[in-house]
Amino acid sequence: EHHVDVVFMDIQMPVLSGLEAARQIKAFDQQIIIVFLT
């Protein structure tokens, strides 16, 4: 829904983990930068 340049994301979360979310985000847009904070 939104233009995002960088994602700061936890790994252990309910519903969908940060790792799985990152996999889906990268599949949608390889240019988005992912930084894990855990």
PDB file of all heavy atoms in Angstrom:
ATOM      1  N   GLU A   1       0.792  -1.226   0.000  1.00  0.00           N
ATOM      2  CA  GLU A   1       0.000   0.000   0.000  1.00  0.00           C
ATOM      3  C   GLU A   1       0.828   1.282   0.000  1.00  0.00           C
ATOM      4  O   GLU A   1       0.338   2.331  -0.401  1.00  0.00           O
ATOM      5  CB  GLU A   1      -0.915   0.019   1.227  1.00  0.00           C
ATOM      6  CG  GLU A   1      -1.938  -1.096   1.249  1.00  0.00           C
ATOM      7  CD  GLU A   1      -2.685  -1.160   2.580  1.00  0.00           C
ATOM      8  OE1 GLU A   1      -2.616  -0.190   3.366  1.00  0.00           O
ATOM      9  OE2 GLU A   1      -3.330  -2.181   2.827  1.00  0.00           O
ATOM     10  N   HIS A   2       2.069   1.217   0.501  1.00  0.00           N
ATOM     11  CA  HIS A   2       2.892   2.414   0.681  1.00  0.00           C
ATOM     12  C   HIS A   2       4.271   2.197   0.081  1.00  0.00           C
ATOM     13  O   HIS A   2       4.783   1.082   0.066  1.00  0.00           O
ATOM     14  CB  HIS A   2       3.071   2.726   2.180  1.00  0.00           C
ATOM     15  CG  HIS A   2       1.794   2.900   2.922  1.00  0.00           C
ATOM     16  ND1 HIS A   2       1.084   4.079   2.922  1.00  0.00           N
ATOM     17  CD2 HIS A   2       1.079   2.045   3.701  1.00  0.00           C
ATOM     18  CE1 HIS A   2       0.006   3.944   3.659  1.00  0.00           C
ATOM     19  NE2 HIS A   2      -0.025   2.719   4.143  1.00  0.00           N
ATOM     20  N   HIS A   3       4.878   3.300  -0.357  1.00  0.00           N
ATOM     21  CA  HIS A   3       6.273   3.230  -0.774  1.00  0.00           C
ATOM     22  C   HIS A   3       7.134   3.150   0.486  1.00  0.00           C
ATOM     23  O   HIS A   3       7.011   3.988   1.383  1.00  0.00           O
ATOM     24  CB  HIS A   3       6.670   4.459  -1.590  1.00  0.00           C
ATOM     25  CG  HIS A   3       8.140   4.514  -1.829  1.00  0.00           C
ATOM     26  ND1 HIS A   3       8.756   3.724  -2.775  1.00  0.00           N
ATOM     27  CD2 HIS A   3       9.115   5.215  -1.214  1.00  0.00           C
ATOM     28  CE1 HIS A   3      10.059   3.957  -2.741  1.00  0.00           C
ATOM     29  NE2 HIS A   3      10.302   4.868  -1.795  1.00  0.00           N
ATOM     30  N   VAL A   4       7.987   2.134   0.563  1.00  0.00           N
ATOM     31  CA  VAL A   4       8.873   1.955   1.711  1.00  0.00           C
ATOM     32  C   VAL A   4      10.284   1.706   1.191  1.00  0.00           C
ATOM     33  O   VAL A   4      10.492   0.884   0.297  1.00  0.00           O
ATOM     34  CB  VAL A   4       8.404   0.767   2.590  1.00  0.00           C
ATOM     35  CG1 VAL A   4       9.412   0.467   3.680  1.00  0.00           C
ATOM     36  CG2 VAL A   4       7.032   1.057   3.191  1.00  0.00           C
ATOM     37  N   ASP A   5      11.248   2.429   1.758  1.00  0.00           N
ATOM     38  CA  ASP A   5      12.645   2.251   1.367  1.00  0.00           C
ATOM     39  C   ASP A   5      13.365   1.243   2.249  1.00  0.00           C
ATOM     40  O   ASP A   5      14.185   0.461   1.770  1.00  0.00           O
ATOM     41  CB  ASP A   5      13.384   3.592   1.447  1.00  0.00           C
ATOM     42  CG  ASP A   5      12.813   4.607   0.474  1.00  0.00           C
ATOM     43  OD1 ASP A   5      12.920   4.358  -0.747  1.00  0.00           O
ATOM     44  OD2 ASP A   5      12.241   5.612   0.930  1.00  0.00           O
ATOM     45  N   VAL A   6      13.069   1.284   3.543  1.00  0.00           N
ATOM     46  CA  VAL A   6      13.764   0.394   4.485  1.00  0.00           C
ATOM     47  C   VAL A   6      12.780  -0.121   5.534  1.00  0.00           C
ATOM     48  O   VAL A   6      11.886   0.605   5.962  1.00  0.00           O
ATOM     49  CB  VAL A   6      14.963   1.117   5.141  1.00  0.00           C
ATOM     50  CG1 VAL A   6      14.529   2.320   5.932  1.00  0.00           C
ATOM     51  CG2 VAL A   6      15.776   0.187   6.023  1.00  0.00           C
ATOM     52  N   VAL A   7      12.966  -1.382   5.904  1.00  0.00           N
ATOM     53  CA  VAL A   7      12.138  -2.014   6.929  1.00  0.00           C
ATOM     54  C   VAL A   7      13.042  -2.395   8.098  1.00  0.00           C
ATOM     55  O   VAL A   7      14.023  -3.118   7.916  1.00  0.00           O
ATOM     56  CB  VAL A   7      11.428  -3.275   6.387  1.00  0.00           C
ATOM     57  CG1 VAL A   7      10.615  -3.957   7.486  1.00  0.00           C
ATOM     58  CG2 VAL A   7      10.548  -2.935   5.200  1.00  0.00           C
ATOM     59  N   PHE A   8      12.717  -1.889   9.281  1.00  0.00           N
ATOM     60  CA  PHE A   8      13.364  -2.301  10.522  1.00  0.00           C
ATOM     61  C   PHE A   8      12.402  -3.275  11.186  1.00  0.00           C
ATOM     62  O   PHE A   8      11.299  -2.893  11.557  1.00  0.00           O
ATOM     63  CB  PHE A   8      13.607  -1.094  11.434  1.00  0.00           C
ATOM     64  CG  PHE A   8      14.637  -0.142  10.919  1.00  0.00           C
ATOM     65  CD1 PHE A   8      14.287   0.909  10.085  1.00  0.00           C
ATOM     66  CD2 PHE A   8      15.975  -0.292  11.274  1.00  0.00           C
ATOM     67  CE1 PHE A   8      15.242   1.794   9.614  1.00  0.00           C
ATOM     68  CE2 PHE A   8      16.942   0.587  10.802  1.00  0.00           C
ATOM     69  CZ  PHE A   8      16.570   1.630   9.969  1.00  0.00           C
ATOM     70  N   MET A   9      12.815  -4.557  11.313  1.00  0.00           N
ATOM     71  CA  MET A   9      11.846  -5.580  11.680  1.00  0.00           C
ATOM     72  C   MET A   9      12.382  -6.558  12.726  1.00  0.00           C
ATOM     73  O   MET A   9      13.506  -7.046  12.621  1.00  0.00           O
ATOM     74  CB  MET A   9      11.437  -6.342  10.412  1.00  0.00           C
ATOM     75  CG  MET A   9      10.366  -7.369  10.633  1.00  0.00           C
ATOM     76  SD  MET A   9       9.462  -7.812   9.125  1.00  0.00           S
ATOM     77  CE  MET A   9      10.693  -7.891   7.861  1.00  0.00           C
ATOM     78  N   ASP A  10      11.522  -6.848  13.682  1.00  0.00           N
ATOM     79  CA  ASP A  10      11.781  -7.891  14.665  1.00  0.00           C
ATOM     80  C   ASP A  10      11.664  -9.241  13.973  1.00  0.00           C
ATOM     81  O   ASP A  10      11.040  -9.354  12.908  1.00  0.00           O
ATOM     82  CB  ASP A  10      10.758  -7.771  15.799  1.00  0.00           C
ATOM     83  CG  ASP A  10      11.101  -8.623  17.011  1.00  0.00           C
ATOM     84  OD1 ASP A  10      12.236  -9.139  17.098  1.00  0.00           O
ATOM     85  OD2 ASP A  10      10.226  -8.761  17.885  1.00  0.00           O
ATOM     86  N   ILE A  11      12.239 -10.268  14.555  1.00  0.00           N
ATOM     87  CA  ILE A  11      12.143 -11.608  13.964  1.00  0.00           C
ATOM     88  C   ILE A  11      11.009 -12.409  14.590  1.00  0.00           C
ATOM     89  O   ILE A  11      10.170 -12.957  13.881  1.00  0.00           O
ATOM     90  CB  ILE A  11      13.484 -12.361  14.103  1.00  0.00           C
ATOM     91  CG1 ILE A  11      14.508 -11.752  13.145  1.00  0.00           C
ATOM     92  CG2 ILE A  11      13.306 -13.857  13.820  1.00  0.00           C
ATOM     93  CD1 ILE A  11      15.861 -12.408  13.169  1.00  0.00           C
ATOM     94  N   GLN A  12      10.951 -12.461  15.900  1.00  0.00           N
ATOM     95  CA  GLN A  12       9.944 -13.267  16.597  1.00  0.00           C
ATOM     96  C   GLN A  12       8.696 -12.428  16.843  1.00  0.00           C
ATOM     97  O   GLN A  12       8.681 -11.585  17.729  1.00  0.00           O
ATOM     98  CB  GLN A  12      10.499 -13.768  17.929  1.00  0.00           C
ATOM     99  CG  GLN A  12      11.639 -14.752  17.765  1.00  0.00           C
ATOM    100  CD  GLN A  12      11.156 -16.119  17.321  1.00  0.00           C
ATOM    101  OE1 GLN A  12      10.682 -16.300  16.206  1.00  0.00           O
ATOM    102  NE2 GLN A  12      11.282 -17.085  18.193  1.00  0.00           N
ATOM    103  N   MET A  13       7.654 -12.682  16.042  1.00  0.00           N
ATOM    104  CA  MET A  13       6.388 -11.967  16.186  1.00  0.00           C
ATOM    105  C   MET A  13       5.239 -12.932  15.945  1.00  0.00           C
ATOM    106  O   MET A  13       5.396 -13.911  15.220  1.00  0.00           O
ATOM    107  CB  MET A  13       6.288 -10.818  15.164  1.00  0.00           C
ATOM    108  CG  MET A  13       7.284  -9.718  15.353  1.00  0.00           C
ATOM    109  SD  MET A  13       7.082  -8.408  14.125  1.00  0.00           S
ATOM    110  CE  MET A  13       7.702  -9.222  12.649  1.00  0.00           C
ATOM    111  N   PRO A  14       4.083 -12.634  16.529  1.00  0.00           N
ATOM    112  CA  PRO A  14       2.912 -13.474  16.255  1.00  0.00           C
ATOM    113  C   PRO A  14       2.402 -13.255  14.830  1.00  0.00           C
ATOM    114  O   PRO A  14       2.796 -12.301  14.167  1.00  0.00           O
ATOM    115  CB  PRO A  14       1.889 -12.987  17.282  1.00  0.00           C
ATOM    116  CG  PRO A  14       2.308 -11.596  17.604  1.00  0.00           C
ATOM    117  CD  PRO A  14       3.800 -11.562  17.462  1.00  0.00           C
ATOM    118  N   VAL A  15       1.560 -14.116  14.383  1.00  0.00           N
ATOM    119  CA  VAL A  15       0.885 -14.090  13.086  1.00  0.00           C
ATOM    120  C   VAL A  15       1.837 -14.474  11.954  1.00  0.00           C
ATOM    121  O   VAL A  15       1.631 -15.466  11.280  1.00  0.00           O
ATOM    122  CB  VAL A  15       0.178 -12.750  12.780  1.00  0.00           C
ATOM    123  CG1 VAL A  15      -0.586 -12.825  11.467  1.00  0.00           C
ATOM    124  CG2 VAL A  15      -0.742 -12.319  13.923  1.00  0.00           C
ATOM    125  N   LEU A  16       2.892 -13.681  11.720  1.00  0.00           N
ATOM    126  CA  LEU A  16       3.870 -13.970  10.664  1.00  0.00           C
ATOM    127  C   LEU A  16       5.229 -13.480  11.142  1.00  0.00           C
ATOM    128  O   LEU A  16       5.380 -12.311  11.496  1.00  0.00           O
ATOM    129  CB  LEU A  16       3.468 -13.244   9.365  1.00  0.00           C
ATOM    130  CG  LEU A  16       4.265 -13.566   8.116  1.00  0.00           C
ATOM    131  CD1 LEU A  16       4.057 -15.013   7.680  1.00  0.00           C
ATOM    132  CD2 LEU A  16       3.882 -12.617   6.994  1.00  0.00           C
ATOM    133  N   SER A  17       6.196 -14.375  11.170  1.00  0.00           N
ATOM    134  CA  SER A  17       7.526 -14.012  11.674  1.00  0.00           C
ATOM    135  C   SER A  17       8.198 -12.980  10.778  1.00  0.00           C
ATOM    136  O   SER A  17       7.852 -12.824   9.604  1.00  0.00           O
ATOM    137  CB  SER A  17       8.418 -15.254  11.761  1.00  0.00           C
ATOM    138  OG  SER A  17       8.874 -15.628  10.468  1.00  0.00           O
ATOM    139  N   GLY A  18       9.179 -12.306  11.332  1.00  0.00           N
ATOM    140  CA  GLY A  18       9.933 -11.340  10.555  1.00  0.00           C
ATOM    141  C   GLY A  18      10.671 -11.969   9.392  1.00  0.00           C
ATOM    142  O   GLY A  18      10.778 -11.372   8.319  1.00  0.00           O
ATOM    143  N   LEU A  19      11.171 -13.183   9.592  1.00  0.00           N
ATOM    144  CA  LEU A  19      11.888 -13.862   8.505  1.00  0.00           C
ATOM    145  C   LEU A  19      10.958 -14.176   7.342  1.00  0.00           C
ATOM    146  O   LEU A  19      11.292 -13.943   6.187  1.00  0.00           O
ATOM    147  CB  LEU A  19      12.572 -15.125   9.026  1.00  0.00           C
ATOM    148  CG  LEU A  19      13.719 -14.882  10.011  1.00  0.00           C
ATOM    149  CD1 LEU A  19      14.159 -16.198  10.646  1.00  0.00           C
ATOM    150  CD2 LEU A  19      14.893 -14.189   9.341  1.00  0.00           C
ATOM    151  N   GLU A  20       9.768 -14.681   7.650  1.00  0.00           N
ATOM    152  CA  GLU A  20       8.815 -14.988   6.577  1.00  0.00           C
ATOM    153  C   GLU A  20       8.312 -13.700   5.920  1.00  0.00           C
ATOM    154  O   GLU A  20       8.145 -13.638   4.705  1.00  0.00           O
ATOM    155  CB  GLU A  20       7.635 -15.807   7.106  1.00  0.00           C
ATOM    156  CG  GLU A  20       6.631 -16.193   6.031  1.00  0.00           C
ATOM    157  CD  GLU A  20       7.226 -16.914   4.824  1.00  0.00           C
ATOM    158  OE1 GLU A  20       8.158 -17.738   4.995  1.00  0.00           O
ATOM    159  OE2 GLU A  20       6.770 -16.652   3.695  1.00  0.00           O
ATOM    160  N   ALA A  21       8.087 -12.669   6.727  1.00  0.00           N
ATOM    161  CA  ALA A  21       7.664 -11.384   6.158  1.00  0.00           C
ATOM    162  C   ALA A  21       8.742 -10.841   5.227  1.00  0.00           C
ATOM    163  O   ALA A  21       8.432 -10.354   4.140  1.00  0.00           O
ATOM    164  CB  ALA A  21       7.365 -10.388   7.270  1.00  0.00           C
ATOM    165  N   ALA A  22       9.997 -10.941   5.629  1.00  0.00           N
ATOM    166  CA  ALA A  22      11.102 -10.468   4.779  1.00  0.00           C
ATOM    167  C   ALA A  22      11.136 -11.232   3.466  1.00  0.00           C
ATOM    168  O   ALA A  22      11.358 -10.642   2.403  1.00  0.00           O
ATOM    169  CB  ALA A  22      12.433 -10.613   5.512  1.00  0.00           C
ATOM    170  N   ARG A  23      10.895 -12.521   3.526  1.00  0.00           N
ATOM    171  CA  ARG A  23      10.861 -13.339   2.309  1.00  0.00           C
ATOM    172  C   ARG A  23       9.783 -12.821   1.354  1.00  0.00           C
ATOM    173  O   ARG A  23      10.018 -12.649   0.159  1.00  0.00           O
ATOM    174  CB  ARG A  23      10.608 -14.801   2.699  1.00  0.00           C
ATOM    175  CG  ARG A  23      10.829 -15.807   1.614  1.00  0.00           C
ATOM    176  CD  ARG A  23      10.726 -17.246   2.129  1.00  0.00           C
ATOM    177  NE  ARG A  23      11.893 -17.606   2.943  1.00  0.00           N
ATOM    178  CZ  ARG A  23      11.888 -17.772   4.284  1.00  0.00           C
ATOM    179  NH1 ARG A  23      10.769 -17.640   4.964  1.00  0.00           N
ATOM    180  NH2 ARG A  23      12.978 -18.077   4.932  1.00  0.00           N
ATOM    181  N   GLN A  24       8.607 -12.520   1.886  1.00  0.00           N
ATOM    182  CA  GLN A  24       7.505 -12.025   1.061  1.00  0.00           C
ATOM    183  C   GLN A  24       7.769 -10.602   0.560  1.00  0.00           C
ATOM    184  O   GLN A  24       7.444 -10.263  -0.583  1.00  0.00           O
ATOM    185  CB  GLN A  24       6.191 -12.092   1.840  1.00  0.00           C
ATOM    186  CG  GLN A  24       5.743 -13.519   2.107  1.00  0.00           C
ATOM    187  CD  GLN A  24       4.440 -13.589   2.870  1.00  0.00           C
ATOM    188  OE1 GLN A  24       3.601 -12.684   2.786  1.00  0.00           O
ATOM    189  NE2 GLN A  24       4.243 -14.662   3.617  1.00  0.00           N
ATOM    190  N   ILE A  25       8.355  -9.773   1.404  1.00  0.00           N
ATOM    191  CA  ILE A  25       8.670  -8.401   1.003  1.00  0.00           C
ATOM    192  C   ILE A  25       9.688  -8.397  -0.125  1.00  0.00           C
ATOM    193  O   ILE A  25       9.539  -7.682  -1.118  1.00  0.00           O
ATOM    194  CB  ILE A  25       9.163  -7.584   2.220  1.00  0.00           C
ATOM    195  CG1 ILE A  25       7.990  -7.320   3.171  1.00  0.00           C
ATOM    196  CG2 ILE A  25       9.825  -6.283   1.779  1.00  0.00           C
ATOM    197  CD1 ILE A  25       8.398  -6.803   4.545  1.00  0.00           C
ATOM    198  N   LYS A  26      10.735  -9.207   0.009  1.00  0.00           N
ATOM    199  CA  LYS A  26      11.773  -9.272  -1.027  1.00  0.00           C
ATOM    200  C   LYS A  26      11.207  -9.852  -2.331  1.00  0.00           C
ATOM    201  O   LYS A  26      11.624  -9.458  -3.413  1.00  0.00           O
ATOM    202  CB  LYS A  26      12.973 -10.096  -0.553  1.00  0.00           C
ATOM    203  CG  LYS A  26      13.859  -9.351   0.424  1.00  0.00           C
ATOM    204  CD  LYS A  26      14.501  -8.154  -0.248  1.00  0.00           C
ATOM    205  CE  LYS A  26      15.657  -7.603   0.523  1.00  0.00           C
ATOM    206  NZ  LYS A  26      16.339  -6.520  -0.177  1.00  0.00           N
ATOM    207  N   ALA A  27      10.251 -10.761  -2.240  1.00  0.00           N
ATOM    208  CA  ALA A  27       9.606 -11.304  -3.439  1.00  0.00           C
ATOM    209  C   ALA A  27       8.801 -10.214  -4.143  1.00  0.00           C
ATOM    210  O   ALA A  27       8.702 -10.195  -5.371  1.00  0.00           O
ATOM    211  CB  ALA A  27       8.708 -12.483  -3.082  1.00  0.00           C
ATOM    212  N   PHE A  28       8.248  -9.293  -3.382  1.00  0.00           N
ATOM    213  CA  PHE A  28       7.462  -8.191  -3.936  1.00  0.00           C
ATOM    214  C   PHE A  28       8.362  -7.109  -4.522  1.00  0.00           C
ATOM    215  O   PHE A  28       8.091  -6.576  -5.596  1.00  0.00           O
ATOM    216  CB  PHE A  28       6.553  -7.605  -2.853  1.00  0.00           C
ATOM    217  CG  PHE A  28       5.776  -6.401  -3.290  1.00  0.00           C
ATOM    218  CD1 PHE A  28       4.716  -6.524  -4.177  1.00  0.00           C
ATOM    219  CD2 PHE A  28       6.105  -5.130  -2.831  1.00  0.00           C
ATOM    220  CE1 PHE A  28       3.994  -5.411  -4.598  1.00  0.00           C
ATOM    221  CE2 PHE A  28       5.397  -4.010  -3.232  1.00  0.00           C
ATOM    222  CZ  PHE A  28       4.341  -4.154  -4.115  1.00  0.00           C
ATOM    223  N   ASP A  29       9.451  -6.764  -3.790  1.00  0.00           N
ATOM    224  CA  ASP A  29      10.337  -5.683  -4.229  1.00  0.00           C
ATOM    225  C   ASP A  29      11.744  -5.918  -3.680  1.00  0.00           C
ATOM    226  O   ASP A  29      12.003  -5.702  -2.498  1.00  0.00           O
ATOM    227  CB  ASP A  29       9.798  -4.338  -3.744  1.00  0.00           C
ATOM    228  CG  ASP A  29      10.608  -3.149  -4.242  1.00  0.00           C
ATOM    229  OD1 ASP A  29      11.733  -3.334  -4.751  1.00  0.00           O
ATOM    230  OD2 ASP A  29      10.112  -2.017  -4.100  1.00  0.00           O
ATOM    231  N   GLN A  30      12.651  -6.332  -4.551  1.00  0.00           N
ATOM    232  CA  GLN A  30      14.027  -6.630  -4.162  1.00  0.00           C
ATOM    233  C   GLN A  30      14.783  -5.396  -3.670  1.00  0.00           C
ATOM    234  O   GLN A  30      15.792  -5.522  -2.985  1.00  0.00           O
ATOM    235  CB  GLN A  30      14.796  -7.231  -5.350  1.00  0.00           C
ATOM    236  CG  GLN A  30      14.498  -8.684  -5.610  1.00  0.00           C
ATOM    237  CD  GLN A  30      15.126  -9.575  -4.548  1.00  0.00           C
ATOM    238  OE1 GLN A  30      16.225  -9.344  -4.086  1.00  0.00           O
ATOM    239  NE2 GLN A  30      14.394 -10.603  -4.162  1.00  0.00           N
ATOM    240  N   GLN A  31      14.321  -4.200  -4.012  1.00  0.00           N
ATOM    241  CA  GLN A  31      15.038  -2.976  -3.663  1.00  0.00           C
ATOM    242  C   GLN A  31      14.825  -2.523  -2.215  1.00  0.00           C
ATOM    243  O   GLN A  31      15.581  -1.694  -1.707  1.00  0.00           O
ATOM    244  CB  GLN A  31      14.629  -1.842  -4.614  1.00  0.00           C
ATOM    245  CG  GLN A  31      14.913  -2.140  -6.074  1.00  0.00           C
ATOM    246  CD  GLN A  31      16.371  -2.481  -6.321  1.00  0.00           C
ATOM    247  OE1 GLN A  31      17.256  -1.768  -5.894  1.00  0.00           O
ATOM    248  NE2 GLN A  31      16.625  -3.584  -6.989  1.00  0.00           N
ATOM    249  N   ILE A  32      13.803  -3.047  -1.567  1.00  0.00           N
ATOM    250  CA  ILE A  32      13.538  -2.650  -0.182  1.00  0.00           C
ATOM    251  C   ILE A  32      14.642  -3.203   0.715  1.00  0.00           C
ATOM    252  O   ILE A  32      14.982  -4.376   0.650  1.00  0.00           O
ATOM    253  CB  ILE A  32      12.153  -3.141   0.282  1.00  0.00           C
ATOM    254  CG1 ILE A  32      11.049  -2.460  -0.539  1.00  0.00           C
ATOM    255  CG2 ILE A  32      11.963  -2.877   1.784  1.00  0.00           C
ATOM    256  CD1 ILE A  32       9.657  -2.977  -0.266  1.00  0.00           C
ATOM    257  N   ILE A  33      15.194  -2.332   1.533  1.00  0.00           N
ATOM    258  CA  ILE A  33      16.265  -2.716   2.458  1.00  0.00           C
ATOM    259  C   ILE A  33      15.631  -3.269   3.730  1.00  0.00           C
ATOM    260  O   ILE A  33      14.739  -2.648   4.307  1.00  0.00           O
ATOM    261  CB  ILE A  33      17.157  -1.498   2.781  1.00  0.00           C
ATOM    262  CG1 ILE A  33      17.848  -1.021   1.504  1.00  0.00           C
ATOM    263  CG2 ILE A  33      18.156  -1.824   3.887  1.00  0.00           C
ATOM    264  CD1 ILE A  33      18.509   0.332   1.635  1.00  0.00           C
ATOM    265  N   ILE A  34      16.105  -4.416   4.162  1.00  0.00           N
ATOM    266  CA  ILE A  34      15.618  -5.054   5.390  1.00  0.00           C
ATOM    267  C   ILE A  34      16.720  -5.001   6.437  1.00  0.00           C
ATOM    268  O   ILE A  34      17.854  -5.424   6.184  1.00  0.00           O
ATOM    269  CB  ILE A  34      15.232  -6.530   5.155  1.00  0.00           C
ATOM    270  CG1 ILE A  34      14.229  -6.690   4.004  1.00  0.00           C
ATOM    271  CG2 ILE A  34      14.737  -7.163   6.459  1.00  0.00           C
ATOM    272  CD1 ILE A  34      12.815  -6.376   4.320  1.00  0.00           C
ATOM    273  N   VAL A  35      16.379  -4.502   7.616  1.00  0.00           N
ATOM    274  CA  VAL A  35      17.278  -4.512   8.767  1.00  0.00           C
ATOM    275  C   VAL A  35      16.532  -5.219   9.891  1.00  0.00           C
ATOM    276  O   VAL A  35      15.445  -4.792  10.276  1.00  0.00           O
ATOM    277  CB  VAL A  35      17.664  -3.081   9.201  1.00  0.00           C
ATOM    278  CG1 VAL A  35      18.521  -3.119  10.464  1.00  0.00           C
ATOM    279  CG2 VAL A  35      18.382  -2.351   8.078  1.00  0.00           C
ATOM    280  N   PHE A  36      17.107  -6.304  10.384  1.00  0.00           N
ATOM    281  CA  PHE A  36      16.486  -7.008  11.495  1.00  0.00           C
ATOM    282  C   PHE A  36      16.960  -6.427  12.808  1.00  0.00           C
ATOM    283  O   PHE A  36      18.145  -6.165  12.999  1.00  0.00           O
ATOM    284  CB  PHE A  36      16.796  -8.508  11.442  1.00  0.00           C
ATOM    285  CG  PHE A  36      16.026  -9.234  10.390  1.00  0.00           C
ATOM    286  CD1 PHE A  36      16.649  -9.672   9.240  1.00  0.00           C
ATOM    287  CD2 PHE A  36      14.673  -9.467  10.542  1.00  0.00           C
ATOM    288  CE1 PHE A  36      15.937 -10.333   8.259  1.00  0.00           C
ATOM    289  CE2 PHE A  36      13.948 -10.119   9.561  1.00  0.00           C
ATOM    290  CZ  PHE A  36      14.586 -10.561   8.422  1.00  0.00           C
ATOM    291  N   LEU A  37      16.017  -6.198  13.710  1.00  0.00           N
ATOM    292  CA  LEU A  37      16.279  -5.766  15.073  1.00  0.00           C
ATOM    293  C   LEU A  37      15.659  -6.830  15.967  1.00  0.00           C
ATOM    294  O   LEU A  37      14.443  -6.992  15.964  1.00  0.00           O
ATOM    295  CB  LEU A  37      15.609  -4.422  15.348  1.00  0.00           C
ATOM    296  CG  LEU A  37      16.202  -3.235  14.623  1.00  0.00           C
ATOM    297  CD1 LEU A  37      15.173  -2.141  14.460  1.00  0.00           C
ATOM    298  CD2 LEU A  37      17.391  -2.726  15.408  1.00  0.00           C
ATOM    299  N   THR A  38      16.479  -7.547  16.709  1.00  0.00           N
ATOM    300  CA  THR A  38      15.943  -8.656  17.462  1.00  0.00           C
ATOM    301  C   THR A  38      16.671  -8.861  18.775  1.00  0.00           C
ATOM    302  O   THR A  38      17.834  -8.482  18.910  1.00  0.00           O
ATOM    303  CB  THR A  38      16.001  -9.943  16.611  1.00  0.00           C
ATOM    304  OG1 THR A  38      15.428 -11.021  17.333  1.00  0.00           O
ATOM    305  CG2 THR A  38      17.436 -10.282  16.222  1.00  0.00           C
TER     306      THR A  38
END
